[in-house]
Every structure is written in structure tokens, then in C-alpha cells.
mmCIF file of all heavy atoms, coordinates in Angstrom:
data_MODEL
# 
_entry.id   MODEL 
# 
loop_
_atom_site.group_PDB 
_atom_site.id 
_atom_site.type_symbol 
_atom_site.label_atom_id 
_atom_site.label_alt_id 
_atom_site.label_comp_id 
_atom_site.label_asym_id 
_atom_site.label_entity_id 
_atom_site.label_seq_id 
_atom_site.pdbx_PDB_ins_code 
_atom_site.Cartn_x 
_atom_site.Cartn_y 
_atom_site.Cartn_z 
_atom_site.occupancy 
_atom_site.B_iso_or_equiv 
_atom_site.pdbx_formal_charge 
_atom_site.auth_seq_id 
_atom_site.auth_comp_id 
_atom_site.auth_asym_id 
_atom_site.auth_atom_id 
_atom_site.pdbx_PDB_model_num 
ATOM 1   N N   . SER A 1 1  ? 17.105 -1.571  -3.726  1.00 0.00 ? 1  SER A N   1 
ATOM 2   C CA  . SER A 1 1  ? 18.112 -0.797  -4.463  1.00 0.00 ? 1  SER A CA  1 
ATOM 3   C C   . SER A 1 1  ? 18.351 0.562   -3.813  1.00 0.00 ? 1  SER A C   1 
ATOM 4   O O   . SER A 1 1  ? 19.486 0.991   -3.626  1.00 0.00 ? 1  SER A O   1 
ATOM 5   C CB  . SER A 1 1  ? 17.662 -0.616  -5.916  1.00 0.00 ? 1  SER A CB  1 
ATOM 6   O OG  . SER A 1 1  ? 18.635 0.075   -6.663  1.00 0.00 ? 1  SER A OG  1 
ATOM 7   N N   . SER A 1 2  ? 17.256 1.227   -3.438  1.00 0.00 ? 2  SER A N   1 
ATOM 8   C CA  . SER A 1 2  ? 17.370 2.537   -2.799  1.00 0.00 ? 2  SER A CA  1 
ATOM 9   C C   . SER A 1 2  ? 18.074 2.441   -1.443  1.00 0.00 ? 2  SER A C   1 
ATOM 10  O O   . SER A 1 2  ? 18.991 3.212   -1.143  1.00 0.00 ? 2  SER A O   1 
ATOM 11  C CB  . SER A 1 2  ? 15.973 3.138   -2.620  1.00 0.00 ? 2  SER A CB  1 
ATOM 12  O OG  . SER A 1 2  ? 16.003 4.290   -1.816  1.00 0.00 ? 2  SER A OG  1 
ATOM 13  N N   . LEU A 1 3  ? 17.660 1.492   -0.622  1.00 0.00 ? 3  LEU A N   1 
ATOM 14  C CA  . LEU A 1 3  ? 18.234 1.355   0.719   1.00 0.00 ? 3  LEU A CA  1 
ATOM 15  C C   . LEU A 1 3  ? 19.693 0.921   0.654   1.00 0.00 ? 3  LEU A C   1 
ATOM 16  O O   . LEU A 1 3  ? 20.513 1.358   1.457   1.00 0.00 ? 3  LEU A O   1 
ATOM 17  C CB  . LEU A 1 3  ? 17.410 0.353   1.531   1.00 0.00 ? 3  LEU A CB  1 
ATOM 18  C CG  . LEU A 1 3  ? 15.972 0.791   1.841   1.00 0.00 ? 3  LEU A CG  1 
ATOM 19  C CD1 . LEU A 1 3  ? 15.170 -0.369  2.418   1.00 0.00 ? 3  LEU A CD1 1 
ATOM 20  C CD2 . LEU A 1 3  ? 15.951 1.978   2.798   1.00 0.00 ? 3  LEU A CD2 1 
ATOM 21  N N   . HIS A 1 4  ? 20.008 0.072   -0.310  1.00 0.00 ? 4  HIS A N   1 
ATOM 22  C CA  . HIS A 1 4  ? 21.393 -0.357  -0.489  1.00 0.00 ? 4  HIS A CA  1 
ATOM 23  C C   . HIS A 1 4  ? 22.275 0.833   -0.866  1.00 0.00 ? 4  HIS A C   1 
ATOM 24  O O   . HIS A 1 4  ? 23.383 1.003   -0.346  1.00 0.00 ? 4  HIS A O   1 
ATOM 25  C CB  . HIS A 1 4  ? 21.459 -1.437  -1.573  1.00 0.00 ? 4  HIS A CB  1 
ATOM 26  C CG  . HIS A 1 4  ? 22.842 -1.914  -1.870  1.00 0.00 ? 4  HIS A CG  1 
ATOM 27  N ND1 . HIS A 1 4  ? 23.603 -1.400  -2.893  1.00 0.00 ? 4  HIS A ND1 1 
ATOM 28  C CD2 . HIS A 1 4  ? 23.620 -2.856  -1.268  1.00 0.00 ? 4  HIS A CD2 1 
ATOM 29  C CE1 . HIS A 1 4  ? 24.782 -1.998  -2.914  1.00 0.00 ? 4  HIS A CE1 1 
ATOM 30  N NE2 . HIS A 1 4  ? 24.825 -2.885  -1.951  1.00 0.00 ? 4  HIS A NE2 1 
ATOM 31  N N   . ASN A 1 5  ? 21.780 1.678   -1.767  1.00 0.00 ? 5  ASN A N   1 
ATOM 32  C CA  . ASN A 1 5  ? 22.546 2.861   -2.184  1.00 0.00 ? 5  ASN A CA  1 
ATOM 33  C C   . ASN A 1 5  ? 22.779 3.819   -1.027  1.00 0.00 ? 5  ASN A C   1 
ATOM 34  O O   . ASN A 1 5  ? 23.765 4.573   -1.031  1.00 0.00 ? 5  ASN A O   1 
ATOM 35  C CB  . ASN A 1 5  ? 21.821 3.579   -3.311  1.00 0.00 ? 5  ASN A CB  1 
ATOM 36  C CG  . ASN A 1 5  ? 21.880 2.827   -4.625  1.00 0.00 ? 5  ASN A CG  1 
ATOM 37  O OD1 . ASN A 1 5  ? 22.660 1.892   -4.782  1.00 0.00 ? 5  ASN A OD1 1 
ATOM 38  N ND2 . ASN A 1 5  ? 21.039 3.210   -5.577  1.00 0.00 ? 5  ASN A ND2 1 
ATOM 39  N N   . GLU A 1 6  ? 21.878 3.805   -0.052  1.00 0.00 ? 6  GLU A N   1 
ATOM 40  C CA  . GLU A 1 6  ? 22.025 4.679   1.113   1.00 0.00 ? 6  GLU A CA  1 
ATOM 41  C C   . GLU A 1 6  ? 22.934 4.085   2.177   1.00 0.00 ? 6  GLU A C   1 
ATOM 42  O O   . GLU A 1 6  ? 23.196 4.734   3.196   1.00 0.00 ? 6  GLU A O   1 
ATOM 43  C CB  . GLU A 1 6  ? 20.645 4.967   1.710   1.00 0.00 ? 6  GLU A CB  1 
ATOM 44  C CG  . GLU A 1 6  ? 19.773 5.830   0.805   1.00 0.00 ? 6  GLU A CG  1 
ATOM 45  C CD  . GLU A 1 6  ? 18.367 6.010   1.353   1.00 0.00 ? 6  GLU A CD  1 
ATOM 46  O OE1 . GLU A 1 6  ? 18.070 5.467   2.437   1.00 0.00 ? 6  GLU A OE1 1 
ATOM 47  O OE2 . GLU A 1 6  ? 17.565 6.686   0.695   1.00 0.00 ? 6  GLU A OE2 1 
ATOM 48  N N   . GLY A 1 7  ? 23.387 2.847   1.970   1.00 0.00 ? 7  GLY A N   1 
ATOM 49  C CA  . GLY A 1 7  ? 24.358 2.263   2.881   1.00 0.00 ? 7  GLY A CA  1 
ATOM 50  C C   . GLY A 1 7  ? 23.801 1.448   4.018   1.00 0.00 ? 7  GLY A C   1 
ATOM 51  O O   . GLY A 1 7  ? 24.539 1.075   4.941   1.00 0.00 ? 7  GLY A O   1 
ATOM 52  N N   . HIS A 1 8  ? 22.512 1.138   3.984   1.00 0.00 ? 8  HIS A N   1 
ATOM 53  C CA  . HIS A 1 8  ? 21.931 0.303   5.035   1.00 0.00 ? 8  HIS A CA  1 
ATOM 54  C C   . HIS A 1 8  ? 22.404 -1.144  4.890   1.00 0.00 ? 8  HIS A C   1 
ATOM 55  O O   . HIS A 1 8  ? 22.703 -1.612  3.781   1.00 0.00 ? 8  HIS A O   1 
ATOM 56  C CB  . HIS A 1 8  ? 20.406 0.356   4.978   1.00 0.00 ? 8  HIS A CB  1 
ATOM 57  C CG  . HIS A 1 8  ? 19.846 1.719   5.253   1.00 0.00 ? 8  HIS A CG  1 
ATOM 58  N ND1 . HIS A 1 8  ? 19.855 2.281   6.508   1.00 0.00 ? 8  HIS A ND1 1 
ATOM 59  C CD2 . HIS A 1 8  ? 19.265 2.630   4.429   1.00 0.00 ? 8  HIS A CD2 1 
ATOM 60  C CE1 . HIS A 1 8  ? 19.293 3.487   6.452   1.00 0.00 ? 8  HIS A CE1 1 
ATOM 61  N NE2 . HIS A 1 8  ? 18.943 3.722   5.205   1.00 0.00 ? 8  HIS A NE2 1 
ATOM 62  N N   . GLU A 1 9  ? 22.444 -1.867  6.013   1.00 0.00 ? 9  GLU A N   1 
ATOM 63  C CA  . GLU A 1 9  ? 22.776 -3.292  6.000   1.00 0.00 ? 9  GLU A CA  1 
ATOM 64  C C   . GLU A 1 9  ? 21.486 -4.076  5.767   1.00 0.00 ? 9  GLU A C   1 
ATOM 65  O O   . GLU A 1 9  ? 20.568 -4.021  6.588   1.00 0.00 ? 9  GLU A O   1 
ATOM 66  C CB  . GLU A 1 9  ? 23.404 -3.711  7.332   1.00 0.00 ? 9  GLU A CB  1 
ATOM 67  C CG  . GLU A 1 9  ? 24.749 -3.068  7.623   1.00 0.00 ? 9  GLU A CG  1 
ATOM 68  C CD  . GLU A 1 9  ? 25.313 -3.578  8.932   1.00 0.00 ? 9  GLU A CD  1 
ATOM 69  O OE1 . GLU A 1 9  ? 25.468 -4.808  9.091   1.00 0.00 ? 9  GLU A OE1 1 
ATOM 70  O OE2 . GLU A 1 9  ? 25.566 -2.744  9.823   1.00 0.00 ? 9  GLU A OE2 1 
ATOM 71  N N   . LEU A 1 10 ? 21.434 -4.802  4.661   1.00 0.00 ? 10 LEU A N   1 
ATOM 72  C CA  . LEU A 1 10 ? 20.194 -5.449  4.248   1.00 0.00 ? 10 LEU A CA  1 
ATOM 73  C C   . LEU A 1 10 ? 20.302 -6.962  4.264   1.00 0.00 ? 10 LEU A C   1 
ATOM 74  O O   . LEU A 1 10 ? 21.294 -7.534  3.809   1.00 0.00 ? 10 LEU A O   1 
ATOM 75  C CB  . LEU A 1 10 ? 19.826 -5.005  2.833   1.00 0.00 ? 10 LEU A CB  1 
ATOM 76  C CG  . LEU A 1 10 ? 19.451 -3.532  2.641   1.00 0.00 ? 10 LEU A CG  1 
ATOM 77  C CD1 . LEU A 1 10 ? 19.394 -3.192  1.157   1.00 0.00 ? 10 LEU A CD1 1 
ATOM 78  C CD2 . LEU A 1 10 ? 18.115 -3.226  3.302   1.00 0.00 ? 10 LEU A CD2 1 
ATOM 79  N N   . THR A 1 11 ? 19.237 -7.581  4.772   1.00 0.00 ? 11 THR A N   1 
ATOM 80  C CA  . THR A 1 11 ? 19.041 -9.018  4.645   1.00 0.00 ? 11 THR A CA  1 
ATOM 81  C C   . THR A 1 11 ? 17.706 -9.231  3.970   1.00 0.00 ? 11 THR A C   1 
ATOM 82  O O   . THR A 1 11 ? 16.679 -8.706  4.437   1.00 0.00 ? 11 THR A O   1 
ATOM 83  C CB  . THR A 1 11 ? 19.053 -9.715  6.015   1.00 0.00 ? 11 THR A CB  1 
ATOM 84  O OG1 . THR A 1 11 ? 20.329 -9.522  6.637   1.00 0.00 ? 11 THR A OG1 1 
ATOM 85  C CG2 . THR A 1 11 ? 18.774 -11.203 5.871   1.00 0.00 ? 11 THR A CG2 1 
ATOM 86  N N   . CYS A 1 12 ? 17.698 -9.972  2.863   1.00 0.00 ? 12 CYS A N   1 
ATOM 87  C CA  . CYS A 1 12 ? 16.469 -10.214 2.107   1.00 0.00 ? 12 CYS A CA  1 
ATOM 88  C C   . CYS A 1 12 ? 15.996 -11.640 2.323   1.00 0.00 ? 12 CYS A C   1 
ATOM 89  O O   . CYS A 1 12 ? 16.765 -12.595 2.143   1.00 0.00 ? 12 CYS A O   1 
ATOM 90  C CB  . CYS A 1 12 ? 16.695 -9.964  0.623   1.00 0.00 ? 12 CYS A CB  1 
ATOM 91  S SG  . CYS A 1 12 ? 16.939 -8.227  0.228   1.00 0.00 ? 12 CYS A SG  1 
ATOM 92  N N   . VAL A 1 13 ? 14.740 -11.764 2.700   1.00 0.00 ? 13 VAL A N   1 
ATOM 93  C CA  . VAL A 1 13 ? 14.104 -13.075 2.858   1.00 0.00 ? 13 VAL A CA  1 
ATOM 94  C C   . VAL A 1 13 ? 13.479 -13.441 1.517   1.00 0.00 ? 13 VAL A C   1 
ATOM 95  O O   . VAL A 1 13 ? 12.662 -12.680 0.982   1.00 0.00 ? 13 VAL A O   1 
ATOM 96  C CB  . VAL A 1 13 ? 13.034 -13.043 3.959   1.00 0.00 ? 13 VAL A CB  1 
ATOM 97  C CG1 . VAL A 1 13 ? 12.323 -14.387 4.058   1.00 0.00 ? 13 VAL A CG1 1 
ATOM 98  C CG2 . VAL A 1 13 ? 13.659 -12.656 5.301   1.00 0.00 ? 13 VAL A CG2 1 
ATOM 99  N N   . VAL A 1 14 ? 13.853 -14.590 0.959   1.00 0.00 ? 14 VAL A N   1 
ATOM 100 C CA  . VAL A 1 14 ? 13.401 -14.964 -0.377  1.00 0.00 ? 14 VAL A CA  1 
ATOM 101 C C   . VAL A 1 14 ? 12.852 -16.382 -0.388  1.00 0.00 ? 14 VAL A C   1 
ATOM 102 O O   . VAL A 1 14 ? 13.195 -17.218 0.460   1.00 0.00 ? 14 VAL A O   1 
ATOM 103 C CB  . VAL A 1 14 ? 14.546 -14.859 -1.410  1.00 0.00 ? 14 VAL A CB  1 
ATOM 104 C CG1 . VAL A 1 14 ? 15.127 -13.455 -1.434  1.00 0.00 ? 14 VAL A CG1 1 
ATOM 105 C CG2 . VAL A 1 14 ? 15.638 -15.885 -1.127  1.00 0.00 ? 14 VAL A CG2 1 
ATOM 106 N N   . ARG A 1 15 ? 11.988 -16.654 -1.351  1.00 0.00 ? 15 ARG A N   1 
ATOM 107 C CA  . ARG A 1 15 ? 11.535 -18.019 -1.595  1.00 0.00 ? 15 ARG A CA  1 
ATOM 108 C C   . ARG A 1 15 ? 12.639 -18.783 -2.310  1.00 0.00 ? 15 ARG A C   1 
ATOM 109 O O   . ARG A 1 15 ? 13.437 -18.189 -3.050  1.00 0.00 ? 15 ARG A O   1 
ATOM 110 C CB  . ARG A 1 15 ? 10.274 -18.018 -2.465  1.00 0.00 ? 15 ARG A CB  1 
ATOM 111 C CG  . ARG A 1 15 ? 9.073  -17.336 -1.848  1.00 0.00 ? 15 ARG A CG  1 
ATOM 112 C CD  . ARG A 1 15 ? 7.865  -17.479 -2.783  1.00 0.00 ? 15 ARG A CD  1 
ATOM 113 N NE  . ARG A 1 15 ? 6.666  -16.827 -2.255  1.00 0.00 ? 15 ARG A NE  1 
ATOM 114 C CZ  . ARG A 1 15 ? 6.303  -15.579 -2.561  1.00 0.00 ? 15 ARG A CZ  1 
ATOM 115 N NH1 . ARG A 1 15 ? 7.048  -14.869 -3.403  1.00 0.00 ? 15 ARG A NH1 1 
ATOM 116 N NH2 . ARG A 1 15 ? 5.213  -15.067 -2.044  1.00 0.00 ? 15 ARG A NH2 1 
ATOM 117 N N   . PRO A 1 16 ? 12.689 -20.115 -2.145  1.00 0.00 ? 16 PRO A N   1 
ATOM 118 C CA  . PRO A 1 16 ? 13.736 -20.899 -2.823  1.00 0.00 ? 16 PRO A CA  1 
ATOM 119 C C   . PRO A 1 16 ? 13.730 -20.736 -4.338  1.00 0.00 ? 16 PRO A C   1 
ATOM 120 O O   . PRO A 1 16 ? 14.777 -20.783 -4.971  1.00 0.00 ? 16 PRO A O   1 
ATOM 121 C CB  . PRO A 1 16 ? 13.401 -22.343 -2.418  1.00 0.00 ? 16 PRO A CB  1 
ATOM 122 C CG  . PRO A 1 16 ? 12.677 -22.214 -1.121  1.00 0.00 ? 16 PRO A CG  1 
ATOM 123 C CD  . PRO A 1 16 ? 11.881 -20.944 -1.220  1.00 0.00 ? 16 PRO A CD  1 
ATOM 124 N N   . ASN A 1 17 ? 12.538 -20.522 -4.922  1.00 0.00 ? 17 ASN A N   1 
ATOM 125 C CA  . ASN A 1 17 ? 12.447 -20.418 -6.382  1.00 0.00 ? 17 ASN A CA  1 
ATOM 126 C C   . ASN A 1 17 ? 12.404 -18.977 -6.877  1.00 0.00 ? 17 ASN A C   1 
ATOM 127 O O   . ASN A 1 17 ? 12.101 -18.722 -8.042  1.00 0.00 ? 17 ASN A O   1 
ATOM 128 C CB  . ASN A 1 17 ? 11.215 -21.172 -6.896  1.00 0.00 ? 17 ASN A CB  1 
ATOM 129 C CG  . ASN A 1 17 ? 9.909  -20.635 -6.309  1.00 0.00 ? 17 ASN A CG  1 
ATOM 130 O OD1 . ASN A 1 17 ? 9.933  -19.840 -5.370  1.00 0.00 ? 17 ASN A OD1 1 
ATOM 131 N ND2 . ASN A 1 17 ? 8.792  -21.068 -6.863  1.00 0.00 ? 17 ASN A ND2 1 
ATOM 132 N N   . SER A 1 18 ? 12.704 -18.012 -6.005  1.00 0.00 ? 18 SER A N   1 
ATOM 133 C CA  . SER A 1 18 ? 12.675 -16.608 -6.411  1.00 0.00 ? 18 SER A CA  1 
ATOM 134 C C   . SER A 1 18 ? 13.801 -16.294 -7.385  1.00 0.00 ? 18 SER A C   1 
ATOM 135 O O   . SER A 1 18 ? 14.919 -16.809 -7.248  1.00 0.00 ? 18 SER A O   1 
ATOM 136 C CB  . SER A 1 18 ? 12.818 -15.684 -5.193  1.00 0.00 ? 18 SER A CB  1 
ATOM 137 O OG  . SER A 1 18 ? 11.708 -15.772 -4.356  1.00 0.00 ? 18 SER A OG  1 
ATOM 138 N N   . ARG A 1 19 ? 13.490 -15.428 -8.354  1.00 0.00 ? 19 ARG A N   1 
ATOM 139 C CA  . ARG A 1 19 ? 14.533 -14.917 -9.233  1.00 0.00 ? 19 ARG A CA  1 
ATOM 140 C C   . ARG A 1 19 ? 15.251 -13.793 -8.500  1.00 0.00 ? 19 ARG A C   1 
ATOM 141 O O   . ARG A 1 19 ? 14.668 -12.762 -8.220  1.00 0.00 ? 19 ARG A O   1 
ATOM 142 C CB  . ARG A 1 19 ? 13.919 -14.413 -10.536 1.00 0.00 ? 19 ARG A CB  1 
ATOM 143 C CG  . ARG A 1 19 ? 13.356 -15.516 -11.423 1.00 0.00 ? 19 ARG A CG  1 
ATOM 144 C CD  . ARG A 1 19 ? 12.733 -14.953 -12.670 1.00 0.00 ? 19 ARG A CD  1 
ATOM 145 N NE  . ARG A 1 19 ? 11.557 -14.145 -12.349 1.00 0.00 ? 19 ARG A NE  1 
ATOM 146 C CZ  . ARG A 1 19 ? 10.829 -13.487 -13.254 1.00 0.00 ? 19 ARG A CZ  1 
ATOM 147 N NH1 . ARG A 1 19 ? 11.175 -13.507 -14.522 1.00 0.00 ? 19 ARG A NH1 1 
ATOM 148 N NH2 . ARG A 1 19 ? 9.776  -12.797 -12.891 1.00 0.00 ? 19 ARG A NH2 1 
ATOM 149 N N   . ARG A 1 20 ? 16.496 -13.994 -8.191  1.00 0.00 ? 20 ARG A N   1 
ATOM 150 C CA  . ARG A 1 20 ? 17.211 -13.014 -7.358  1.00 0.00 ? 20 ARG A CA  1 
ATOM 151 C C   . ARG A 1 20 ? 18.556 -12.612 -7.954  1.00 0.00 ? 20 ARG A C   1 
ATOM 152 O O   . ARG A 1 20 ? 19.482 -12.242 -7.237  1.00 0.00 ? 20 ARG A O   1 
ATOM 153 C CB  . ARG A 1 20 ? 17.385 -13.538 -5.934  1.00 0.00 ? 20 ARG A CB  1 
ATOM 154 C CG  . ARG A 1 20 ? 18.042 -14.904 -5.795  1.00 0.00 ? 20 ARG A CG  1 
ATOM 155 C CD  . ARG A 1 20 ? 18.127 -15.267 -4.325  1.00 0.00 ? 20 ARG A CD  1 
ATOM 156 N NE  . ARG A 1 20 ? 18.946 -16.433 -4.093  1.00 0.00 ? 20 ARG A NE  1 
ATOM 157 C CZ  . ARG A 1 20 ? 18.497 -17.677 -4.023  1.00 0.00 ? 20 ARG A CZ  1 
ATOM 158 N NH1 . ARG A 1 20 ? 17.206 -17.904 -4.208  1.00 0.00 ? 20 ARG A NH1 1 
ATOM 159 N NH2 . ARG A 1 20 ? 19.308 -18.687 -3.784  1.00 0.00 ? 20 ARG A NH2 1 
ATOM 160 N N   . SER A 1 21 ? 18.665 -12.696 -9.279  1.00 0.00 ? 21 SER A N   1 
ATOM 161 C CA  . SER A 1 21 ? 19.935 -12.358 -9.929  1.00 0.00 ? 21 SER A CA  1 
ATOM 162 C C   . SER A 1 21 ? 20.339 -10.920 -9.643  1.00 0.00 ? 21 SER A C   1 
ATOM 163 O O   . SER A 1 21 ? 21.522 -10.609 -9.475  1.00 0.00 ? 21 SER A O   1 
ATOM 164 C CB  . SER A 1 21 ? 19.840 -12.589 -11.437 1.00 0.00 ? 21 SER A CB  1 
ATOM 165 O OG  . SER A 1 21 ? 18.772 -11.837 -11.996 1.00 0.00 ? 21 SER A OG  1 
ATOM 166 N N   . TYR A 1 22 ? 19.336 -10.007 -9.570  1.00 0.00 ? 22 TYR A N   1 
ATOM 167 C CA  . TYR A 1 22 ? 19.699 -8.609  -9.325  1.00 0.00 ? 22 TYR A CA  1 
ATOM 168 C C   . TYR A 1 22 ? 20.209 -8.414  -7.896  1.00 0.00 ? 22 TYR A C   1 
ATOM 169 O O   . TYR A 1 22 ? 21.065 -7.564  -7.634  1.00 0.00 ? 22 TYR A O   1 
ATOM 170 C CB  . TYR A 1 22 ? 18.498 -7.696  -9.616  1.00 0.00 ? 22 TYR A CB  1 
ATOM 171 C CG  . TYR A 1 22 ? 17.760 -7.242  -8.407  1.00 0.00 ? 22 TYR A CG  1 
ATOM 172 C CD1 . TYR A 1 22 ? 18.057 -6.029  -7.806  1.00 0.00 ? 22 TYR A CD1 1 
ATOM 173 C CD2 . TYR A 1 22 ? 16.791 -8.047  -7.818  1.00 0.00 ? 22 TYR A CD2 1 
ATOM 174 C CE1 . TYR A 1 22 ? 17.407 -5.623  -6.679  1.00 0.00 ? 22 TYR A CE1 1 
ATOM 175 C CE2 . TYR A 1 22 ? 16.135 -7.642  -6.690  1.00 0.00 ? 22 TYR A CE2 1 
ATOM 176 C CZ  . TYR A 1 22 ? 16.439 -6.433  -6.112  1.00 0.00 ? 22 TYR A CZ  1 
ATOM 177 O OH  . TYR A 1 22 ? 15.790 -6.037  -4.986  1.00 0.00 ? 22 TYR A OH  1 
ATOM 178 N N   . LEU A 1 23 ? 19.719 -9.241  -6.947  1.00 0.00 ? 23 LEU A N   1 
ATOM 179 C CA  . LEU A 1 23 ? 20.226 -9.163  -5.572  1.00 0.00 ? 23 LEU A CA  1 
ATOM 180 C C   . LEU A 1 23 ? 21.687 -9.589  -5.523  1.00 0.00 ? 23 LEU A C   1 
ATOM 181 O O   . LEU A 1 23 ? 22.476 -9.036  -4.753  1.00 0.00 ? 23 LEU A O   1 
ATOM 182 C CB  . LEU A 1 23 ? 19.404 -10.063 -4.650  1.00 0.00 ? 23 LEU A CB  1 
ATOM 183 C CG  . LEU A 1 23 ? 18.009 -9.602  -4.233  1.00 0.00 ? 23 LEU A CG  1 
ATOM 184 C CD1 . LEU A 1 23 ? 17.377 -10.630 -3.319  1.00 0.00 ? 23 LEU A CD1 1 
ATOM 185 C CD2 . LEU A 1 23 ? 18.051 -8.239  -3.552  1.00 0.00 ? 23 LEU A CD2 1 
ATOM 186 N N   . ASP A 1 24 ? 22.025 -10.580 -6.351  1.00 0.00 ? 24 ASP A N   1 
ATOM 187 C CA  . ASP A 1 24 ? 23.403 -11.076 -6.353  1.00 0.00 ? 24 ASP A CA  1 
ATOM 188 C C   . ASP A 1 24 ? 24.382 -10.013 -6.848  1.00 0.00 ? 24 ASP A C   1 
ATOM 189 O O   . ASP A 1 24 ? 25.583 -10.102 -6.577  1.00 0.00 ? 24 ASP A O   1 
ATOM 190 C CB  . ASP A 1 24 ? 23.507 -12.325 -7.237  1.00 0.00 ? 24 ASP A CB  1 
ATOM 191 C CG  . ASP A 1 24 ? 22.700 -13.498 -6.682  1.00 0.00 ? 24 ASP A CG  1 
ATOM 192 O OD1 . ASP A 1 24 ? 22.490 -13.529 -5.457  1.00 0.00 ? 24 ASP A OD1 1 
ATOM 193 O OD2 . ASP A 1 24 ? 22.273 -14.357 -7.479  1.00 0.00 ? 24 ASP A OD2 1 
ATOM 194 N N   . ARG A 1 25 ? 23.873 -9.013  -7.567  1.00 0.00 ? 25 ARG A N   1 
ATOM 195 C CA  . ARG A 1 25 ? 24.756 -7.949  -8.066  1.00 0.00 ? 25 ARG A CA  1 
ATOM 196 C C   . ARG A 1 25 ? 25.050 -6.882  -7.005  1.00 0.00 ? 25 ARG A C   1 
ATOM 197 O O   . ARG A 1 25 ? 25.927 -6.047  -7.185  1.00 0.00 ? 25 ARG A O   1 
ATOM 198 C CB  . ARG A 1 25 ? 24.123 -7.272  -9.291  1.00 0.00 ? 25 ARG A CB  1 
ATOM 199 C CG  . ARG A 1 25 ? 23.945 -8.190  -10.484 1.00 0.00 ? 25 ARG A CG  1 
ATOM 200 C CD  . ARG A 1 25 ? 23.701 -7.396  -11.759 1.00 0.00 ? 25 ARG A CD  1 
ATOM 201 N NE  . ARG A 1 25 ? 22.469 -6.616  -11.690 1.00 0.00 ? 25 ARG A NE  1 
ATOM 202 C CZ  . ARG A 1 25 ? 21.290 -7.046  -12.112 1.00 0.00 ? 25 ARG A CZ  1 
ATOM 203 N NH1 . ARG A 1 25 ? 21.174 -8.274  -12.615 1.00 0.00 ? 25 ARG A NH1 1 
ATOM 204 N NH2 . ARG A 1 25 ? 20.217 -6.283  -12.045 1.00 0.00 ? 25 ARG A NH2 1 
# 
């Protein structure tokens, strides 16, 4: 959240069963 607000380009590595609803926002 912090890095996104600062404008960095982010790629998140996630497990298939991870809850990632907040990433989708």
C-alpha cells in the first residue's frame, strides 16, 4: 500500500489460494 501510493511499479507474487481482494483494488 505504501509503495503503491509512492508510485512504484509493483508485481506481487502470490499463492493460488491467497486472499488478494485488497490487491485487486
